[in-house]
Amino acid sequence: MEIQHVNRMGDTYYLHEGRTKTGKPKYYFSRKREGTLVAAVPDGYEVYENPDAQVFLRKVVPRVVTDEEVGTVERGVRELAKLAYFAIDVKGPSIVVHLPNGNVAFLEGILASRFGRDPAEMDRQVQRFLSYTPMMRFTLRDENARWFTVDRWCFLGSIDDWFPLSGGDLETLVARYCPHLGRESFFELM
């Protein structure tokens, strides 16, 4: 049995094995079934899907944030920012919140005329068209105290980088900063 992964857009990817110029194995995902398919994920590797639904095989990345901490950020985005479409990506000690590029309501309007108003089908179709941009990052700075910092993405042409906001316990940071996601007030955070 081959390794396959269905991404958030509903596309199925198959894990393939190839060879480098020196004869070492290399692994990659493709939507095509032709080629040398792999039956098991190699030791020390994991399947990774980035927020834009691209699928990769990567070396296992040690995770220092807990599932509960990721859940805290997810709930904050969903309940405090009241956003339905977002992506959370864990990169090392950071929990990164990505928001959709473009106007989701406009996209929903276009798709509703074609696919109807079934919520599950609407969600599937909207997911197929969304791309994401990182907007906020919660980074674990002290593993023992579980102390985090929060940054927002700065869109000034001369900066285009993370802008530090504050530090503290995750619950407090989420409560203070997540309500600004997807709103004009986000750009006023300093």
N, C-alpha and C. Protein backbone atom coordinates (compact mmCIF):
# COMPACT_ATOMS: atom_id res chain seq x y z
N MET A 1 0.84 -1.19 0.00
CA MET A 1 0.00 0.00 0.00
C MET A 1 0.88 1.24 0.00
N GLU A 2 0.54 2.21 -0.82
CA GLU A 2 1.36 3.42 -0.94
C GLU A 2 0.92 4.46 0.08
N ILE A 3 1.84 5.39 0.33
CA ILE A 3 1.56 6.51 1.22
C ILE A 3 0.87 7.59 0.38
N GLN A 4 -0.29 8.04 0.86
CA GLN A 4 -0.99 9.12 0.19
C GLN A 4 -1.47 10.12 1.23
N HIS A 5 -1.65 11.35 0.78
CA HIS A 5 -2.11 12.42 1.65
C HIS A 5 -3.12 13.26 0.88
N VAL A 6 -4.28 13.49 1.48
CA VAL A 6 -5.29 14.36 0.89
C VAL A 6 -5.16 15.72 1.57
N ASN A 7 -4.84 16.75 0.79
CA ASN A 7 -4.65 18.07 1.38
C ASN A 7 -5.99 18.77 1.61
N ARG A 8 -5.96 19.96 2.19
CA ARG A 8 -7.19 20.66 2.54
C ARG A 8 -8.03 21.03 1.32
N MET A 9 -7.44 21.01 0.16
CA MET A 9 -8.18 21.31 -1.07
C MET A 9 -8.86 20.07 -1.64
N GLY A 10 -8.57 18.91 -1.03
CA GLY A 10 -9.17 17.67 -1.50
C GLY A 10 -8.35 16.95 -2.56
N ASP A 11 -7.14 17.42 -2.83
CA ASP A 11 -6.26 16.78 -3.81
C ASP A 11 -5.46 15.67 -3.13
N THR A 12 -5.35 14.53 -3.81
CA THR A 12 -4.59 13.40 -3.27
C THR A 12 -3.17 13.43 -3.82
N TYR A 13 -2.20 13.33 -2.91
CA TYR A 13 -0.79 13.30 -3.26
C TYR A 13 -0.21 11.94 -2.87
N TYR A 14 0.71 11.44 -3.69
CA TYR A 14 1.34 10.14 -3.46
C TYR A 14 2.82 10.35 -3.23
N LEU A 15 3.37 9.62 -2.26
CA LEU A 15 4.79 9.72 -1.95
C LEU A 15 5.59 8.85 -2.90
N HIS A 16 6.57 9.47 -3.56
CA HIS A 16 7.43 8.79 -4.53
C HIS A 16 8.87 8.76 -4.03
N GLU A 17 9.61 7.81 -4.55
CA GLU A 17 11.05 7.75 -4.28
C GLU A 17 11.79 7.90 -5.60
N GLY A 18 12.78 8.74 -5.56
CA GLY A 18 13.67 8.91 -6.70
C GLY A 18 15.11 8.74 -6.22
N ARG A 19 16.03 9.08 -7.07
CA ARG A 19 17.46 8.99 -6.72
C ARG A 19 18.17 10.28 -7.08
N THR A 20 19.11 10.66 -6.21
CA THR A 20 19.94 11.82 -6.51
C THR A 20 21.00 11.41 -7.51
N LYS A 21 21.81 12.35 -7.97
CA LYS A 21 22.89 12.04 -8.91
C LYS A 21 23.90 11.07 -8.31
N THR A 22 24.02 11.10 -6.98
CA THR A 22 24.98 10.21 -6.32
C THR A 22 24.35 8.87 -5.94
N GLY A 23 23.07 8.67 -6.29
CA GLY A 23 22.41 7.39 -6.02
C GLY A 23 21.68 7.28 -4.70
N LYS A 24 21.68 8.38 -3.94
CA LYS A 24 20.96 8.35 -2.66
C LYS A 24 19.46 8.54 -2.90
N PRO A 25 18.63 7.97 -2.03
CA PRO A 25 17.18 8.13 -2.23
C PRO A 25 16.74 9.56 -1.92
N LYS A 26 15.77 10.03 -2.70
CA LYS A 26 15.12 11.31 -2.43
C LYS A 26 13.62 11.06 -2.54
N TYR A 27 12.87 11.77 -1.75
CA TYR A 27 11.43 11.55 -1.66
C TYR A 27 10.69 12.82 -2.03
N TYR A 28 9.55 12.64 -2.67
CA TYR A 28 8.73 13.78 -3.06
C TYR A 28 7.28 13.34 -3.23
N PHE A 29 6.37 14.31 -3.11
CA PHE A 29 4.95 14.05 -3.32
C PHE A 29 4.55 14.53 -4.70
N SER A 30 3.65 13.77 -5.32
CA SER A 30 3.11 14.13 -6.63
C SER A 30 1.65 13.69 -6.67
N ARG A 31 0.87 14.37 -7.50
CA ARG A 31 -0.52 13.97 -7.67
C ARG A 31 -0.64 12.80 -8.64
N LYS A 32 0.45 12.45 -9.27
CA LYS A 32 0.44 11.32 -10.21
C LYS A 32 0.81 10.03 -9.49
N ARG A 33 0.17 8.95 -9.87
CA ARG A 33 0.47 7.65 -9.26
C ARG A 33 1.61 6.93 -9.98
N GLU A 34 1.96 7.37 -11.17
CA GLU A 34 3.03 6.71 -11.92
C GLU A 34 4.37 6.96 -11.25
N GLY A 35 5.23 5.96 -11.31
CA GLY A 35 6.55 6.08 -10.72
C GLY A 35 6.72 5.11 -9.57
N THR A 36 7.80 5.28 -8.84
CA THR A 36 8.11 4.41 -7.71
C THR A 36 7.41 4.95 -6.47
N LEU A 37 6.31 4.30 -6.09
CA LEU A 37 5.56 4.72 -4.91
C LEU A 37 6.18 4.12 -3.65
N VAL A 38 6.07 4.83 -2.55
CA VAL A 38 6.66 4.42 -1.28
C VAL A 38 5.56 3.87 -0.38
N ALA A 39 5.85 2.75 0.28
CA ALA A 39 4.86 2.07 1.13
C ALA A 39 4.88 2.56 2.58
N ALA A 40 5.96 3.23 3.00
CA ALA A 40 6.05 3.70 4.38
C ALA A 40 6.86 4.99 4.42
N VAL A 41 6.50 5.87 5.32
CA VAL A 41 7.26 7.10 5.52
C VAL A 41 8.62 6.71 6.11
N PRO A 42 9.71 7.15 5.50
CA PRO A 42 11.04 6.80 6.03
C PRO A 42 11.22 7.25 7.47
N ASP A 43 11.99 6.49 8.23
CA ASP A 43 12.27 6.85 9.62
C ASP A 43 12.86 8.25 9.71
N GLY A 44 12.39 9.00 10.68
CA GLY A 44 12.89 10.35 10.90
C GLY A 44 12.23 11.40 10.04
N TYR A 45 11.23 11.02 9.25
CA TYR A 45 10.54 11.96 8.37
C TYR A 45 9.05 12.00 8.71
N GLU A 46 8.39 13.07 8.27
CA GLU A 46 6.95 13.21 8.46
C GLU A 46 6.34 13.91 7.26
N VAL A 47 5.04 13.69 7.07
CA VAL A 47 4.31 14.39 6.02
C VAL A 47 3.93 15.75 6.57
N TYR A 48 4.16 16.80 5.79
CA TYR A 48 3.87 18.16 6.21
C TYR A 48 3.08 18.87 5.11
N GLU A 49 1.99 19.50 5.50
CA GLU A 49 1.20 20.32 4.58
C GLU A 49 1.27 21.76 5.06
N ASN A 50 1.76 22.65 4.21
CA ASN A 50 1.87 24.04 4.63
C ASN A 50 0.50 24.73 4.49
N PRO A 51 0.36 25.97 4.99
CA PRO A 51 -0.94 26.63 4.95
C PRO A 51 -1.52 26.82 3.54
N ASP A 52 -0.69 26.80 2.52
CA ASP A 52 -1.19 26.92 1.15
C ASP A 52 -1.43 25.56 0.50
N ALA A 53 -1.50 24.50 1.32
CA ALA A 53 -1.88 23.14 0.90
C ALA A 53 -0.81 22.42 0.08
N GLN A 54 0.42 22.91 0.08
CA GLN A 54 1.50 22.18 -0.57
C GLN A 54 1.94 21.07 0.37
N VAL A 55 2.22 19.89 -0.19
CA VAL A 55 2.54 18.72 0.62
C VAL A 55 4.01 18.35 0.42
N PHE A 56 4.70 18.11 1.54
CA PHE A 56 6.12 17.79 1.52
C PHE A 56 6.42 16.62 2.46
N LEU A 57 7.53 15.99 2.24
CA LEU A 57 8.09 15.07 3.22
C LEU A 57 9.27 15.83 3.83
N ARG A 58 9.28 15.94 5.13
CA ARG A 58 10.35 16.68 5.79
C ARG A 58 10.86 15.89 6.97
N LYS A 59 12.06 16.24 7.41
CA LYS A 59 12.60 15.63 8.62
C LYS A 59 11.70 16.02 9.78
N VAL A 60 11.52 15.10 10.72
CA VAL A 60 10.69 15.37 11.89
C VAL A 60 11.26 16.57 12.62
N VAL A 61 10.40 17.54 12.85
CA VAL A 61 10.80 18.76 13.53
C VAL A 61 10.39 18.63 15.00
N PRO A 62 11.35 18.76 15.92
CA PRO A 62 10.99 18.70 17.34
C PRO A 62 9.96 19.78 17.66
N ARG A 63 8.94 19.40 18.40
CA ARG A 63 7.87 20.34 18.73
C ARG A 63 7.95 20.67 20.20
N VAL A 64 8.09 21.96 20.49
CA VAL A 64 8.21 22.39 21.88
C VAL A 64 6.92 22.98 22.42
N VAL A 65 6.00 23.35 21.52
CA VAL A 65 4.69 23.83 21.99
C VAL A 65 3.76 22.64 22.09
N THR A 66 2.81 22.70 23.00
CA THR A 66 1.90 21.58 23.23
C THR A 66 0.66 21.69 22.35
N ASP A 67 -0.05 20.58 22.20
CA ASP A 67 -1.32 20.59 21.47
C ASP A 67 -2.31 21.54 22.15
N GLU A 68 -2.27 21.60 23.47
CA GLU A 68 -3.17 22.50 24.20
C GLU A 68 -2.87 23.96 23.87
N GLU A 69 -1.59 24.31 23.74
CA GLU A 69 -1.22 25.68 23.39
C GLU A 69 -1.67 26.03 21.98
N VAL A 70 -1.51 25.09 21.06
CA VAL A 70 -1.99 25.31 19.69
C VAL A 70 -3.51 25.48 19.72
N GLY A 71 -4.20 24.66 20.51
CA GLY A 71 -5.65 24.76 20.65
C GLY A 71 -6.09 26.10 21.22
N THR A 72 -5.32 26.63 22.14
CA THR A 72 -5.63 27.94 22.72
C THR A 72 -5.61 29.02 21.64
N VAL A 73 -4.60 28.97 20.78
CA VAL A 73 -4.52 29.95 19.69
C VAL A 73 -5.66 29.74 18.69
N GLU A 74 -5.93 28.49 18.33
CA GLU A 74 -7.04 28.20 17.39
C GLU A 74 -8.37 28.73 17.93
N ARG A 75 -8.66 28.46 19.20
CA ARG A 75 -9.90 28.94 19.81
C ARG A 75 -9.94 30.47 19.83
N GLY A 76 -8.79 31.09 20.12
CA GLY A 76 -8.72 32.55 20.14
C GLY A 76 -9.06 33.15 18.79
N VAL A 77 -8.54 32.56 17.73
CA VAL A 77 -8.82 33.07 16.39
C VAL A 77 -10.30 32.85 16.05
N ARG A 78 -10.79 31.67 16.33
CA ARG A 78 -12.19 31.33 15.98
C ARG A 78 -13.19 32.13 16.82
N GLU A 79 -12.97 32.20 18.13
CA GLU A 79 -13.97 32.79 19.02
C GLU A 79 -13.77 34.29 19.27
N LEU A 80 -12.53 34.74 19.36
CA LEU A 80 -12.29 36.16 19.65
C LEU A 80 -12.22 37.01 18.38
N ALA A 81 -11.59 36.48 17.34
CA ALA A 81 -11.53 37.21 16.07
C ALA A 81 -12.76 36.89 15.22
N LYS A 82 -13.47 35.82 15.59
CA LYS A 82 -14.67 35.39 14.87
C LYS A 82 -14.38 35.11 13.40
N LEU A 83 -13.26 34.42 13.16
CA LEU A 83 -12.88 34.07 11.79
C LEU A 83 -13.13 32.60 11.54
N ALA A 84 -13.70 32.29 10.40
CA ALA A 84 -13.96 30.91 10.03
C ALA A 84 -12.81 30.33 9.21
N TYR A 85 -12.16 31.18 8.43
CA TYR A 85 -11.08 30.71 7.56
C TYR A 85 -9.75 31.26 8.05
N PHE A 86 -8.88 30.36 8.47
CA PHE A 86 -7.53 30.69 8.89
C PHE A 86 -6.75 29.40 8.92
N ALA A 87 -5.45 29.51 9.01
CA ALA A 87 -4.59 28.33 9.11
C ALA A 87 -3.60 28.57 10.23
N ILE A 88 -3.34 27.51 10.98
CA ILE A 88 -2.34 27.55 12.05
C ILE A 88 -1.18 26.66 11.62
N ASP A 89 0.02 27.18 11.73
CA ASP A 89 1.21 26.41 11.38
C ASP A 89 2.17 26.48 12.56
N VAL A 90 2.69 25.34 12.96
CA VAL A 90 3.66 25.29 14.06
C VAL A 90 5.05 25.16 13.44
N LYS A 91 5.90 26.12 13.74
CA LYS A 91 7.28 26.11 13.25
C LYS A 91 8.20 26.24 14.45
N GLY A 92 8.78 25.13 14.86
CA GLY A 92 9.66 25.13 16.03
C GLY A 92 8.91 25.63 17.25
N PRO A 93 9.39 26.71 17.86
CA PRO A 93 8.73 27.23 19.07
C PRO A 93 7.58 28.19 18.76
N SER A 94 7.24 28.38 17.47
CA SER A 94 6.24 29.38 17.10
C SER A 94 4.94 28.76 16.60
N ILE A 95 3.85 29.37 17.02
CA ILE A 95 2.51 29.06 16.53
C ILE A 95 2.13 30.25 15.65
N VAL A 96 2.04 30.02 14.34
CA VAL A 96 1.83 31.10 13.39
C VAL A 96 0.40 31.06 12.87
N VAL A 97 -0.28 32.20 12.96
CA VAL A 97 -1.65 32.33 12.45
C VAL A 97 -1.58 32.94 11.05
N HIS A 98 -2.17 32.24 10.09
CA HIS A 98 -2.24 32.71 8.71
C HIS A 98 -3.69 33.06 8.38
N LEU A 99 -3.89 34.19 7.70
CA LEU A 99 -5.22 34.59 7.28
C LEU A 99 -5.30 34.58 5.75
N PRO A 100 -6.51 34.40 5.23
CA PRO A 100 -6.67 34.32 3.77
C PRO A 100 -6.30 35.63 3.07
N ASN A 101 -5.75 35.47 1.88
CA ASN A 101 -5.54 36.62 0.99
C ASN A 101 -6.85 36.83 0.24
N GLY A 102 -7.28 38.04 0.11
CA GLY A 102 -8.50 38.31 -0.65
C GLY A 102 -9.73 38.37 0.22
N ASN A 103 -10.85 38.61 -0.43
CA ASN A 103 -12.13 38.82 0.23
C ASN A 103 -12.91 37.51 0.25
N VAL A 104 -13.01 36.87 1.41
CA VAL A 104 -13.69 35.58 1.53
C VAL A 104 -15.18 35.72 1.27
N ALA A 105 -15.82 36.80 1.74
CA ALA A 105 -17.25 36.99 1.52
C ALA A 105 -17.57 37.10 0.03
N PHE A 106 -16.74 37.79 -0.71
CA PHE A 106 -16.92 37.91 -2.16
C PHE A 106 -16.80 36.54 -2.83
N LEU A 107 -15.80 35.78 -2.41
CA LEU A 107 -15.60 34.43 -2.95
C LEU A 107 -16.80 33.54 -2.63
N GLU A 108 -17.30 33.62 -1.40
CA GLU A 108 -18.47 32.83 -1.03
C GLU A 108 -19.68 33.20 -1.89
N GLY A 109 -19.84 34.48 -2.19
CA GLY A 109 -20.95 34.92 -3.03
C GLY A 109 -20.87 34.33 -4.43
N ILE A 110 -19.69 34.34 -4.99
CA ILE A 110 -19.49 33.77 -6.33
C ILE A 110 -19.76 32.27 -6.30
N LEU A 111 -19.23 31.58 -5.31
CA LEU A 111 -19.38 30.13 -5.24
C LEU A 111 -20.82 29.72 -4.90
N ALA A 112 -21.54 30.53 -4.13
CA ALA A 112 -22.92 30.20 -3.77
C ALA A 112 -23.80 30.13 -5.01
N SER A 113 -23.54 31.00 -5.96
CA SER A 113 -24.35 30.98 -7.18
C SER A 113 -24.09 29.72 -8.01
N ARG A 114 -22.96 29.13 -7.79
CA ARG A 114 -22.60 27.92 -8.56
C ARG A 114 -22.87 26.62 -7.81
N PHE A 115 -22.63 26.63 -6.50
CA PHE A 115 -22.72 25.39 -5.72
C PHE A 115 -23.84 25.37 -4.69
N GLY A 116 -24.63 26.43 -4.61
CA GLY A 116 -25.70 26.46 -3.62
C GLY A 116 -25.20 26.89 -2.26
N ARG A 117 -26.03 26.75 -1.27
CA ARG A 117 -25.71 27.24 0.07
C ARG A 117 -25.43 26.13 1.07
N ASP A 118 -25.17 24.91 0.63
CA ASP A 118 -24.83 23.83 1.55
C ASP A 118 -23.53 24.20 2.27
N PRO A 119 -23.55 24.34 3.61
CA PRO A 119 -22.36 24.81 4.33
C PRO A 119 -21.12 23.93 4.12
N ALA A 120 -21.28 22.63 4.12
CA ALA A 120 -20.12 21.75 3.96
C ALA A 120 -19.52 21.89 2.56
N GLU A 121 -20.38 21.93 1.56
CA GLU A 121 -19.89 22.08 0.18
C GLU A 121 -19.27 23.46 -0.02
N MET A 122 -19.89 24.47 0.57
CA MET A 122 -19.35 25.83 0.47
C MET A 122 -17.95 25.88 1.07
N ASP A 123 -17.77 25.28 2.25
CA ASP A 123 -16.46 25.25 2.89
C ASP A 123 -15.43 24.55 2.01
N ARG A 124 -15.79 23.40 1.45
CA ARG A 124 -14.87 22.66 0.57
C ARG A 124 -14.45 23.52 -0.62
N GLN A 125 -15.41 24.18 -1.23
CA GLN A 125 -15.11 24.98 -2.42
C GLN A 125 -14.29 26.21 -2.08
N VAL A 126 -14.63 26.89 -0.99
CA VAL A 126 -13.85 28.07 -0.59
C VAL A 126 -12.40 27.67 -0.31
N GLN A 127 -12.21 26.54 0.40
CA GLN A 127 -10.85 26.08 0.73
C GLN A 127 -10.01 25.86 -0.53
N ARG A 128 -10.63 25.46 -1.62
CA ARG A 128 -9.89 25.20 -2.86
C ARG A 128 -9.27 26.47 -3.45
N PHE A 129 -9.84 27.63 -3.12
CA PHE A 129 -9.40 28.87 -3.74
C PHE A 129 -8.55 29.76 -2.84
N LEU A 130 -8.48 29.45 -1.56
CA LEU A 130 -7.78 30.32 -0.63
C LEU A 130 -6.28 30.11 -0.62
N SER A 131 -5.56 31.21 -0.52
CA SER A 131 -4.13 31.18 -0.19
C SER A 131 -4.00 32.02 1.08
N TYR A 132 -2.92 31.82 1.80
CA TYR A 132 -2.79 32.42 3.14
C TYR A 132 -1.50 33.20 3.30
N THR A 133 -1.55 34.17 4.22
CA THR A 133 -0.40 34.99 4.59
C THR A 133 -0.23 34.94 6.10
N PRO A 134 1.00 34.79 6.59
CA PRO A 134 1.21 34.82 8.05
C PRO A 134 0.90 36.23 8.57
N MET A 135 0.15 36.28 9.70
CA MET A 135 -0.25 37.58 10.24
C MET A 135 0.19 37.78 11.69
N MET A 136 0.15 36.70 12.49
CA MET A 136 0.49 36.82 13.91
C MET A 136 1.25 35.57 14.33
N ARG A 137 2.18 35.77 15.25
CA ARG A 137 3.02 34.66 15.70
C ARG A 137 3.16 34.70 17.20
N PHE A 138 2.92 33.55 17.83
CA PHE A 138 3.12 33.38 19.27
C PHE A 138 4.32 32.45 19.44
N THR A 139 5.38 32.93 20.07
CA THR A 139 6.63 32.17 20.16
C THR A 139 6.97 31.87 21.61
N LEU A 140 7.20 30.59 21.90
CA LEU A 140 7.59 30.15 23.24
C LEU A 140 9.03 30.58 23.48
N ARG A 141 9.23 31.38 24.52
CA ARG A 141 10.58 31.89 24.84
C ARG A 141 11.18 31.21 26.07
N ASP A 142 10.33 30.72 26.98
CA ASP A 142 10.82 30.06 28.19
C ASP A 142 9.99 28.79 28.38
N GLU A 143 10.61 27.63 28.10
CA GLU A 143 9.90 26.35 28.17
C GLU A 143 9.44 26.01 29.58
N ASN A 144 10.21 26.36 30.59
CA ASN A 144 9.83 26.02 31.96
C ASN A 144 8.67 26.88 32.45
N ALA A 145 8.74 28.18 32.20
CA ALA A 145 7.69 29.10 32.66
C ALA A 145 6.52 29.17 31.66
N ARG A 146 6.70 28.60 30.44
CA ARG A 146 5.71 28.67 29.37
C ARG A 146 5.37 30.13 29.07
N TRP A 147 6.42 30.92 28.89
CA TRP A 147 6.33 32.34 28.61
C TRP A 147 6.46 32.55 27.11
N PHE A 148 5.54 33.30 26.51
CA PHE A 148 5.49 33.53 25.07
C PHE A 148 5.68 35.00 24.73
N THR A 149 6.09 35.26 23.49
CA THR A 149 6.02 36.60 22.93
C THR A 149 5.05 36.54 21.76
N VAL A 150 4.50 37.70 21.41
CA VAL A 150 3.60 37.78 20.25
C VAL A 150 4.13 38.85 19.31
N ASP A 151 4.08 38.53 18.02
CA ASP A 151 4.51 39.46 16.96
C ASP A 151 3.40 39.53 15.92
N ARG A 152 3.34 40.64 15.22
CA ARG A 152 2.44 40.74 14.08
C ARG A 152 3.29 40.99 12.84
N TRP A 153 2.77 40.58 11.69
CA TRP A 153 3.50 40.82 10.45
C TRP A 153 3.36 42.29 10.09
N CYS A 154 4.48 42.91 9.74
CA CYS A 154 4.49 44.33 9.36
C CYS A 154 4.57 44.42 7.84
N PHE A 155 3.66 45.15 7.24
CA PHE A 155 3.58 45.23 5.79
C PHE A 155 4.21 46.49 5.21
N LEU A 156 4.97 47.23 6.00
CA LEU A 156 5.66 48.39 5.46
C LEU A 156 6.76 47.91 4.53
N GLY A 157 6.83 48.47 3.35
CA GLY A 157 7.78 48.01 2.35
C GLY A 157 9.22 47.98 2.84
N SER A 158 9.57 48.88 3.73
CA SER A 158 10.95 48.92 4.22
C SER A 158 11.21 47.88 5.31
N ILE A 159 10.13 47.27 5.85
CA ILE A 159 10.31 46.32 6.94
C ILE A 159 9.96 44.91 6.48
N ASP A 160 8.69 44.65 6.12
CA ASP A 160 8.22 43.31 5.73
C ASP A 160 8.85 42.22 6.58
N ASP A 161 8.55 42.27 7.86
CA ASP A 161 9.11 41.30 8.81
C ASP A 161 8.20 41.30 10.03
N TRP A 162 8.55 40.46 10.99
CA TRP A 162 7.77 40.39 12.22
C TRP A 162 8.06 41.60 13.08
N PHE A 163 6.99 42.15 13.67
CA PHE A 163 7.07 43.31 14.53
C PHE A 163 6.69 42.87 15.94
N PRO A 164 7.58 43.02 16.93
CA PRO A 164 7.28 42.54 18.29
C PRO A 164 6.20 43.39 18.96
N LEU A 165 5.31 42.70 19.69
CA LEU A 165 4.22 43.39 20.38
C LEU A 165 4.35 43.30 21.89
N SER A 166 4.44 42.07 22.43
CA SER A 166 4.41 41.92 23.89
C SER A 166 4.86 40.52 24.28
N GLY A 167 4.89 40.28 25.58
CA GLY A 167 5.23 38.97 26.10
C GLY A 167 4.40 38.66 27.33
N GLY A 168 4.25 37.36 27.62
CA GLY A 168 3.51 36.95 28.80
C GLY A 168 2.98 35.54 28.66
N ASP A 169 1.95 35.21 29.45
CA ASP A 169 1.38 33.86 29.32
C ASP A 169 0.49 33.83 28.08
N LEU A 170 0.37 32.67 27.48
CA LEU A 170 -0.30 32.53 26.19
C LEU A 170 -1.77 32.95 26.24
N GLU A 171 -2.49 32.54 27.28
CA GLU A 171 -3.93 32.88 27.39
C GLU A 171 -4.13 34.39 27.35
N THR A 172 -3.31 35.13 28.09
CA THR A 172 -3.42 36.59 28.15
C THR A 172 -3.11 37.21 26.79
N LEU A 173 -2.06 36.73 26.13
CA LEU A 173 -1.68 37.27 24.83
C LEU A 173 -2.76 37.01 23.79
N VAL A 174 -3.31 35.79 23.80
CA VAL A 174 -4.37 35.44 22.86
C VAL A 174 -5.58 36.34 23.09
N ALA A 175 -5.98 36.51 24.34
CA ALA A 175 -7.15 37.35 24.66
C ALA A 175 -6.94 38.80 24.25
N ARG A 176 -5.71 39.27 24.35
CA ARG A 176 -5.43 40.67 24.05
C ARG A 176 -5.28 40.93 22.55
N TYR A 177 -4.67 40.00 21.81
CA TYR A 177 -4.31 40.30 20.43
C TYR A 177 -5.16 39.60 19.36
N CYS A 178 -5.71 38.45 19.62
CA CYS A 178 -6.51 37.76 18.61
C CYS A 178 -7.73 38.54 18.14
N PRO A 179 -8.40 39.32 19.01
CA PRO A 179 -9.57 40.07 18.52
C PRO A 179 -9.24 41.05 17.38
N HIS A 180 -7.97 41.39 17.19
CA HIS A 180 -7.57 42.34 16.14
C HIS A 180 -7.37 41.66 14.78
N LEU A 181 -7.27 40.34 14.77
CA LEU A 181 -7.04 39.64 13.50
C LEU A 181 -8.21 39.87 12.54
N GLY A 182 -7.88 40.21 11.30
CA GLY A 182 -8.90 40.44 10.29
C GLY A 182 -9.61 41.78 10.40
N ARG A 183 -9.09 42.68 11.22
CA ARG A 183 -9.71 43.99 11.42
C ARG A 183 -8.67 45.09 11.17
N GLU A 184 -9.15 46.30 10.94
CA GLU A 184 -8.26 47.43 10.71
C GLU A 184 -7.38 47.70 11.93
N SER A 185 -7.90 47.41 13.12
CA SER A 185 -7.14 47.68 14.35
C SER A 185 -5.84 46.87 14.39
N PHE A 186 -5.76 45.80 13.61
CA PHE A 186 -4.54 44.99 13.55
C PHE A 186 -3.34 45.86 13.15
N PHE A 187 -3.56 46.77 12.20
CA PHE A 187 -2.46 47.58 11.67
C PHE A 187 -2.05 48.71 12.62
N GLU A 188 -2.84 48.91 13.67
CA GLU A 188 -2.50 49.92 14.66
C GLU A 188 -1.77 49.33 15.86
N LEU A 189 -1.64 47.99 15.92
CA LEU A 189 -0.97 47.35 17.04
C LEU A 189 0.50 47.72 17.05
N MET A 190 0.96 48.21 18.19
CA MET A 190 2.37 48.59 18.34
C MET A 190 2.93 48.00 19.60
